[in-house]
Amino acid sequence: MAKVVLSKTEHPHIVRHPHICGGSPIIRGTRITVRLLATLIRGGATPEEIIRTYPQLGLAQVYDALSYYFDHRAEIDREIEENKLSTVMRRHNLRLIPHSSGGFGRLVTEEEFQKLKVDEKQRAYTWDSLPTELKV
């Protein structure tokens, strides 16, 4: 069995691996994507807040990921858009069934949707009927 080697980038803390996070750029030694950190920064988080949330990261890794993002902004912005809940739901024809207690719930295929109870079907969202707070 051939060993898969990490694909280095011009950024020392950022690598790619075809079997980790779909080949998206990640912070070396983690499964944390540049996309995730870019999304957090775009949402108003600071690098210091990020390392409090992800204590396994150091500031140098966070800043390097952000530098990668700004060097490859079109690529990462495209990844962010492709991984939005509404985009994934539309691409795979999924429905979101919110949890009865108000939690996120679960995604189901059209076939699974047809087998649901009436009350679950009535609570279901399609990609275009998602509430605004879930479209991010």
N, C-alpha and C. Protein backbone atom coordinates (compact mmCIF):
# COMPACT_ATOMS: atom_id res chain seq x y z
N MET A 1 0.85 -1.18 0.00
CA MET A 1 0.00 0.00 0.00
C MET A 1 0.90 1.24 0.00
N ALA A 2 0.69 2.14 -0.94
CA ALA A 2 1.50 3.34 -1.05
C ALA A 2 1.12 4.34 0.04
N LYS A 3 2.12 4.96 0.59
CA LYS A 3 1.91 5.97 1.63
C LYS A 3 1.56 7.30 0.96
N VAL A 4 0.49 7.94 1.43
CA VAL A 4 0.09 9.23 0.89
C VAL A 4 0.87 10.31 1.64
N VAL A 5 1.51 11.16 0.90
CA VAL A 5 2.34 12.20 1.49
C VAL A 5 1.56 13.51 1.52
N LEU A 6 1.75 14.26 2.60
CA LEU A 6 1.13 15.58 2.68
C LEU A 6 1.68 16.46 1.58
N SER A 7 0.82 17.25 1.02
CA SER A 7 1.23 18.20 0.00
C SER A 7 1.51 19.53 0.69
N LYS A 8 2.76 19.94 0.66
CA LYS A 8 3.15 21.20 1.30
C LYS A 8 2.66 22.38 0.48
N THR A 9 2.50 23.50 1.15
CA THR A 9 2.14 24.75 0.48
C THR A 9 3.26 25.75 0.74
N GLU A 10 3.11 26.94 0.21
CA GLU A 10 4.11 27.98 0.45
C GLU A 10 4.02 28.54 1.87
N HIS A 11 3.06 28.06 2.64
CA HIS A 11 2.87 28.48 4.02
C HIS A 11 3.31 27.35 4.94
N PRO A 12 4.22 27.60 5.87
CA PRO A 12 4.82 26.51 6.64
C PRO A 12 3.86 25.68 7.50
N HIS A 13 2.76 26.25 7.94
CA HIS A 13 1.82 25.52 8.80
C HIS A 13 0.64 24.93 8.02
N ILE A 14 0.58 25.16 6.73
CA ILE A 14 -0.58 24.75 5.94
C ILE A 14 -0.19 23.64 4.96
N VAL A 15 -0.97 22.55 4.99
CA VAL A 15 -0.73 21.41 4.10
C VAL A 15 -2.06 20.95 3.51
N ARG A 16 -1.95 20.05 2.56
CA ARG A 16 -3.12 19.39 1.97
C ARG A 16 -2.87 17.89 2.03
N HIS A 17 -3.94 17.15 2.20
CA HIS A 17 -3.87 15.70 2.16
C HIS A 17 -5.16 15.24 1.48
N PRO A 18 -5.05 14.43 0.44
CA PRO A 18 -6.25 14.07 -0.32
C PRO A 18 -7.32 13.34 0.50
N HIS A 19 -6.94 12.73 1.63
CA HIS A 19 -7.90 11.97 2.43
C HIS A 19 -8.30 12.69 3.71
N ILE A 20 -7.90 13.92 3.87
CA ILE A 20 -8.27 14.70 5.05
C ILE A 20 -9.04 15.93 4.59
N CYS A 21 -10.27 16.06 5.04
CA CYS A 21 -11.13 17.21 4.72
C CYS A 21 -11.22 17.45 3.22
N GLY A 22 -11.28 16.38 2.47
CA GLY A 22 -11.46 16.47 1.03
C GLY A 22 -10.32 17.16 0.29
N GLY A 23 -9.15 17.19 0.90
CA GLY A 23 -8.01 17.84 0.25
C GLY A 23 -7.94 19.33 0.47
N SER A 24 -8.86 19.87 1.28
CA SER A 24 -8.81 21.31 1.59
C SER A 24 -7.56 21.62 2.39
N PRO A 25 -7.06 22.83 2.27
CA PRO A 25 -5.88 23.19 3.06
C PRO A 25 -6.22 23.17 4.55
N ILE A 26 -5.34 22.51 5.32
CA ILE A 26 -5.52 22.37 6.76
C ILE A 26 -4.27 22.83 7.49
N ILE A 27 -4.41 23.05 8.78
CA ILE A 27 -3.24 23.33 9.60
C ILE A 27 -2.55 22.00 9.88
N ARG A 28 -1.26 21.95 9.59
CA ARG A 28 -0.47 20.72 9.75
C ARG A 28 -0.71 20.09 11.12
N GLY A 29 -0.94 18.78 11.11
CA GLY A 29 -1.13 18.04 12.35
C GLY A 29 -2.53 18.11 12.92
N THR A 30 -3.46 18.74 12.18
CA THR A 30 -4.84 18.87 12.65
C THR A 30 -5.78 18.56 11.48
N ARG A 31 -7.04 18.61 11.78
CA ARG A 31 -8.08 18.54 10.74
C ARG A 31 -8.79 19.88 10.65
N ILE A 32 -8.14 20.91 11.14
CA ILE A 32 -8.73 22.25 11.14
C ILE A 32 -8.40 22.91 9.80
N THR A 33 -9.45 23.26 9.06
CA THR A 33 -9.26 23.83 7.73
C THR A 33 -9.03 25.34 7.77
N VAL A 34 -8.35 25.79 6.76
CA VAL A 34 -8.21 27.24 6.55
C VAL A 34 -9.60 27.84 6.39
N ARG A 35 -10.48 27.10 5.71
CA ARG A 35 -11.86 27.55 5.51
C ARG A 35 -12.54 27.87 6.83
N LEU A 36 -12.38 27.00 7.83
CA LEU A 36 -13.00 27.23 9.13
C LEU A 36 -12.49 28.52 9.75
N LEU A 37 -11.17 28.70 9.77
CA LEU A 37 -10.61 29.90 10.38
C LEU A 37 -11.01 31.16 9.62
N ALA A 38 -11.05 31.07 8.30
CA ALA A 38 -11.49 32.23 7.51
C ALA A 38 -12.94 32.57 7.83
N THR A 39 -13.77 31.55 7.99
CA THR A 39 -15.18 31.78 8.34
C THR A 39 -15.29 32.45 9.70
N LEU A 40 -14.50 31.99 10.66
CA LEU A 40 -14.53 32.59 12.00
C LEU A 40 -14.09 34.05 11.96
N ILE A 41 -13.03 34.33 11.23
CA ILE A 41 -12.53 35.70 11.12
C ILE A 41 -13.57 36.58 10.42
N ARG A 42 -14.16 36.08 9.34
CA ARG A 42 -15.19 36.84 8.63
C ARG A 42 -16.39 37.11 9.52
N GLY A 43 -16.63 36.22 10.50
CA GLY A 43 -17.73 36.39 11.44
C GLY A 43 -17.39 37.29 12.61
N GLY A 44 -16.16 37.82 12.64
CA GLY A 44 -15.80 38.77 13.69
C GLY A 44 -14.89 38.23 14.78
N ALA A 45 -14.51 36.97 14.73
CA ALA A 45 -13.62 36.41 15.75
C ALA A 45 -12.21 36.98 15.57
N THR A 46 -11.49 37.04 16.66
CA THR A 46 -10.09 37.47 16.61
C THR A 46 -9.21 36.22 16.68
N PRO A 47 -7.94 36.32 16.26
CA PRO A 47 -7.04 35.18 16.41
C PRO A 47 -6.94 34.69 17.86
N GLU A 48 -6.96 35.61 18.80
CA GLU A 48 -6.89 35.23 20.22
C GLU A 48 -8.12 34.43 20.64
N GLU A 49 -9.29 34.82 20.13
CA GLU A 49 -10.51 34.06 20.43
C GLU A 49 -10.45 32.67 19.81
N ILE A 50 -9.87 32.59 18.63
CA ILE A 50 -9.75 31.30 17.95
C ILE A 50 -8.89 30.35 18.77
N ILE A 51 -7.76 30.82 19.30
CA ILE A 51 -6.90 29.90 20.07
C ILE A 51 -7.50 29.56 21.43
N ARG A 52 -8.41 30.39 21.92
CA ARG A 52 -9.14 30.00 23.14
C ARG A 52 -10.13 28.88 22.82
N THR A 53 -10.73 28.94 21.64
CA THR A 53 -11.67 27.90 21.22
C THR A 53 -10.94 26.64 20.79
N TYR A 54 -9.79 26.79 20.16
CA TYR A 54 -8.99 25.68 19.67
C TYR A 54 -7.60 25.76 20.32
N PRO A 55 -7.50 25.37 21.60
CA PRO A 55 -6.25 25.56 22.34
C PRO A 55 -5.08 24.75 21.80
N GLN A 56 -5.33 23.79 20.92
CA GLN A 56 -4.24 23.03 20.31
C GLN A 56 -3.50 23.86 19.27
N LEU A 57 -4.06 25.00 18.89
CA LEU A 57 -3.42 25.87 17.91
C LEU A 57 -2.61 26.95 18.60
N GLY A 58 -1.58 27.39 17.91
CA GLY A 58 -0.81 28.54 18.35
C GLY A 58 -1.12 29.74 17.45
N LEU A 59 -0.76 30.92 17.93
CA LEU A 59 -1.03 32.12 17.13
C LEU A 59 -0.34 32.07 15.77
N ALA A 60 0.88 31.52 15.72
CA ALA A 60 1.59 31.46 14.44
C ALA A 60 0.79 30.62 13.43
N GLN A 61 0.20 29.52 13.89
CA GLN A 61 -0.60 28.68 13.00
C GLN A 61 -1.84 29.43 12.51
N VAL A 62 -2.49 30.15 13.41
CA VAL A 62 -3.70 30.89 13.04
C VAL A 62 -3.34 31.98 12.04
N TYR A 63 -2.30 32.75 12.33
CA TYR A 63 -1.92 33.82 11.42
C TYR A 63 -1.45 33.26 10.07
N ASP A 64 -0.79 32.11 10.07
CA ASP A 64 -0.37 31.51 8.81
C ASP A 64 -1.59 31.06 8.00
N ALA A 65 -2.59 30.50 8.69
CA ALA A 65 -3.82 30.11 8.00
C ALA A 65 -4.52 31.33 7.41
N LEU A 66 -4.53 32.42 8.15
CA LEU A 66 -5.16 33.65 7.63
C LEU A 66 -4.36 34.22 6.47
N SER A 67 -3.05 34.13 6.56
CA SER A 67 -2.21 34.57 5.45
C SER A 67 -2.50 33.72 4.21
N TYR A 68 -2.64 32.41 4.41
CA TYR A 68 -2.99 31.53 3.29
C TYR A 68 -4.33 31.96 2.70
N TYR A 69 -5.29 32.22 3.57
CA TYR A 69 -6.61 32.66 3.10
C TYR A 69 -6.49 33.90 2.23
N PHE A 70 -5.76 34.90 2.69
CA PHE A 70 -5.67 36.14 1.91
C PHE A 70 -4.86 35.95 0.63
N ASP A 71 -3.93 35.00 0.62
CA ASP A 71 -3.19 34.70 -0.61
C ASP A 71 -4.02 33.89 -1.61
N HIS A 72 -5.03 33.18 -1.10
CA HIS A 72 -5.84 32.28 -1.94
C HIS A 72 -7.33 32.55 -1.70
N ARG A 73 -7.67 33.80 -1.61
CA ARG A 73 -9.02 34.19 -1.19
C ARG A 73 -10.13 33.62 -2.08
N ALA A 74 -9.96 33.67 -3.39
CA ALA A 74 -11.02 33.17 -4.28
C ALA A 74 -11.27 31.68 -4.05
N GLU A 75 -10.21 30.91 -3.89
CA GLU A 75 -10.33 29.46 -3.65
C GLU A 75 -11.06 29.19 -2.33
N ILE A 76 -10.65 29.87 -1.26
CA ILE A 76 -11.23 29.61 0.05
C ILE A 76 -12.66 30.15 0.11
N ASP A 77 -12.91 31.30 -0.47
CA ASP A 77 -14.29 31.82 -0.51
C ASP A 77 -15.21 30.85 -1.26
N ARG A 78 -14.70 30.23 -2.32
CA ARG A 78 -15.48 29.25 -3.07
C ARG A 78 -15.76 28.03 -2.17
N GLU A 79 -14.76 27.58 -1.42
CA GLU A 79 -14.95 26.46 -0.49
C GLU A 79 -15.99 26.81 0.57
N ILE A 80 -15.94 28.02 1.08
CA ILE A 80 -16.91 28.45 2.10
C ILE A 80 -18.31 28.38 1.52
N GLU A 81 -18.49 28.90 0.33
CA GLU A 81 -19.81 28.89 -0.31
C GLU A 81 -20.28 27.46 -0.58
N GLU A 82 -19.38 26.61 -1.08
CA GLU A 82 -19.74 25.23 -1.39
C GLU A 82 -20.11 24.42 -0.16
N ASN A 83 -19.66 24.84 1.01
CA ASN A 83 -19.92 24.08 2.24
C ASN A 83 -20.98 24.69 3.13
N LYS A 84 -21.65 25.73 2.65
CA LYS A 84 -22.78 26.27 3.40
C LYS A 84 -23.89 25.24 3.44
N LEU A 85 -24.63 25.23 4.53
CA LEU A 85 -25.71 24.26 4.69
C LEU A 85 -26.68 24.29 3.52
N SER A 86 -27.12 25.47 3.13
CA SER A 86 -28.11 25.56 2.05
C SER A 86 -27.54 25.02 0.73
N THR A 87 -26.26 25.24 0.48
CA THR A 87 -25.64 24.76 -0.75
C THR A 87 -25.56 23.23 -0.75
N VAL A 88 -25.16 22.66 0.38
CA VAL A 88 -25.07 21.20 0.49
C VAL A 88 -26.46 20.58 0.37
N MET A 89 -27.45 21.20 1.02
CA MET A 89 -28.81 20.69 0.93
C MET A 89 -29.32 20.71 -0.51
N ARG A 90 -29.06 21.80 -1.22
CA ARG A 90 -29.50 21.91 -2.61
C ARG A 90 -28.79 20.89 -3.48
N ARG A 91 -27.48 20.76 -3.32
CA ARG A 91 -26.68 19.86 -4.15
C ARG A 91 -27.13 18.41 -4.01
N HIS A 92 -27.50 18.02 -2.78
CA HIS A 92 -27.84 16.61 -2.52
C HIS A 92 -29.34 16.38 -2.29
N ASN A 93 -30.14 17.42 -2.55
CA ASN A 93 -31.59 17.34 -2.38
C ASN A 93 -31.96 16.82 -0.99
N LEU A 94 -31.45 17.50 0.03
CA LEU A 94 -31.69 17.12 1.42
C LEU A 94 -32.70 18.04 2.07
N ARG A 95 -33.29 17.58 3.14
CA ARG A 95 -34.18 18.39 3.96
C ARG A 95 -33.66 18.40 5.38
N LEU A 96 -33.88 19.50 6.07
CA LEU A 96 -33.48 19.62 7.47
C LEU A 96 -34.71 19.43 8.34
N ILE A 97 -34.62 18.46 9.25
CA ILE A 97 -35.69 18.23 10.20
C ILE A 97 -35.20 18.75 11.55
N PRO A 98 -35.73 19.90 12.00
CA PRO A 98 -35.25 20.43 13.29
C PRO A 98 -35.64 19.50 14.43
N HIS A 99 -34.80 19.47 15.44
CA HIS A 99 -35.09 18.66 16.62
C HIS A 99 -36.31 19.25 17.31
N SER A 100 -37.17 18.41 17.86
CA SER A 100 -38.40 18.89 18.49
C SER A 100 -38.14 19.80 19.69
N SER A 101 -36.97 19.67 20.31
CA SER A 101 -36.64 20.53 21.45
C SER A 101 -35.95 21.82 21.01
N GLY A 102 -35.88 22.04 19.70
CA GLY A 102 -35.30 23.28 19.20
C GLY A 102 -33.88 23.19 18.74
N GLY A 103 -33.24 22.02 18.85
CA GLY A 103 -31.87 21.87 18.40
C GLY A 103 -31.77 21.84 16.89
N PHE A 104 -30.56 21.69 16.39
CA PHE A 104 -30.31 21.71 14.95
C PHE A 104 -31.11 20.64 14.23
N GLY A 105 -31.11 19.43 14.72
CA GLY A 105 -31.86 18.37 14.08
C GLY A 105 -31.01 17.51 13.19
N ARG A 106 -31.60 17.04 12.07
CA ARG A 106 -30.89 16.14 11.18
C ARG A 106 -31.25 16.40 9.73
N LEU A 107 -30.33 16.02 8.86
CA LEU A 107 -30.57 16.11 7.42
C LEU A 107 -31.05 14.75 6.93
N VAL A 108 -32.03 14.77 6.04
CA VAL A 108 -32.56 13.53 5.48
C VAL A 108 -32.65 13.64 3.97
N THR A 109 -32.56 12.50 3.32
CA THR A 109 -32.73 12.44 1.87
C THR A 109 -34.22 12.53 1.55
N GLU A 110 -34.52 12.69 0.28
CA GLU A 110 -35.93 12.73 -0.15
C GLU A 110 -36.63 11.41 0.18
N GLU A 111 -35.93 10.30 -0.01
CA GLU A 111 -36.50 8.99 0.31
C GLU A 111 -36.82 8.87 1.81
N GLU A 112 -35.88 9.33 2.66
CA GLU A 112 -36.13 9.29 4.11
C GLU A 112 -37.26 10.24 4.48
N PHE A 113 -37.32 11.38 3.82
CA PHE A 113 -38.36 12.37 4.10
C PHE A 113 -39.75 11.76 3.88
N GLN A 114 -39.91 11.01 2.81
CA GLN A 114 -41.21 10.42 2.48
C GLN A 114 -41.69 9.46 3.57
N LYS A 115 -40.78 8.89 4.34
CA LYS A 115 -41.12 7.93 5.39
C LYS A 115 -41.38 8.59 6.76
N LEU A 116 -41.21 9.91 6.86
CA LEU A 116 -41.38 10.60 8.14
C LEU A 116 -42.84 10.73 8.53
N LYS A 117 -43.05 10.97 9.81
CA LYS A 117 -44.40 11.26 10.31
C LYS A 117 -44.81 12.64 9.82
N VAL A 118 -46.10 12.87 9.76
CA VAL A 118 -46.65 14.12 9.23
C VAL A 118 -46.09 15.33 9.99
N ASP A 119 -46.03 15.26 11.32
CA ASP A 119 -45.56 16.41 12.09
C ASP A 119 -44.10 16.74 11.78
N GLU A 120 -43.27 15.72 11.52
CA GLU A 120 -41.88 15.98 11.14
C GLU A 120 -41.81 16.60 9.75
N LYS A 121 -42.63 16.11 8.84
CA LYS A 121 -42.65 16.68 7.49
C LYS A 121 -43.04 18.16 7.53
N GLN A 122 -43.98 18.50 8.40
CA GLN A 122 -44.44 19.89 8.47
C GLN A 122 -43.37 20.82 9.03
N ARG A 123 -42.46 20.31 9.84
CA ARG A 123 -41.38 21.11 10.44
C ARG A 123 -40.16 21.21 9.52
N ALA A 124 -40.12 20.41 8.46
CA ALA A 124 -38.94 20.29 7.62
C ALA A 124 -38.67 21.56 6.82
N TYR A 125 -37.37 21.79 6.59
CA TYR A 125 -36.93 22.89 5.73
C TYR A 125 -36.27 22.33 4.48
N THR A 126 -36.48 22.99 3.37
CA THR A 126 -35.71 22.73 2.16
C THR A 126 -34.59 23.76 2.13
N TRP A 127 -33.69 23.64 1.16
CA TRP A 127 -32.57 24.58 1.09
C TRP A 127 -33.04 26.02 0.95
N ASP A 128 -34.15 26.23 0.25
CA ASP A 128 -34.58 27.61 0.03
C ASP A 128 -35.56 28.13 1.10
N SER A 129 -35.97 27.25 2.02
CA SER A 129 -36.84 27.73 3.09
C SER A 129 -36.13 27.78 4.45
N LEU A 130 -34.82 27.58 4.44
CA LEU A 130 -34.07 27.65 5.70
C LEU A 130 -34.22 29.02 6.34
N PRO A 131 -34.32 29.08 7.66
CA PRO A 131 -34.31 30.39 8.33
C PRO A 131 -32.97 31.09 8.08
N THR A 132 -32.98 32.38 8.09
CA THR A 132 -31.79 33.17 7.79
C THR A 132 -30.60 32.77 8.64
N GLU A 133 -30.81 32.51 9.93
CA GLU A 133 -29.69 32.19 10.82
C GLU A 133 -29.01 30.85 10.46
N LEU A 134 -29.67 30.01 9.67
CA LEU A 134 -29.06 28.74 9.25
C LEU A 134 -28.44 28.81 7.86
N LYS A 135 -28.60 29.93 7.17
CA LYS A 135 -28.06 30.05 5.81
C LYS A 135 -26.60 30.43 5.78
N VAL A 136 -26.00 30.66 6.90
CA VAL A 136 -24.59 31.05 6.95
C VAL A 136 -23.67 29.90 6.67
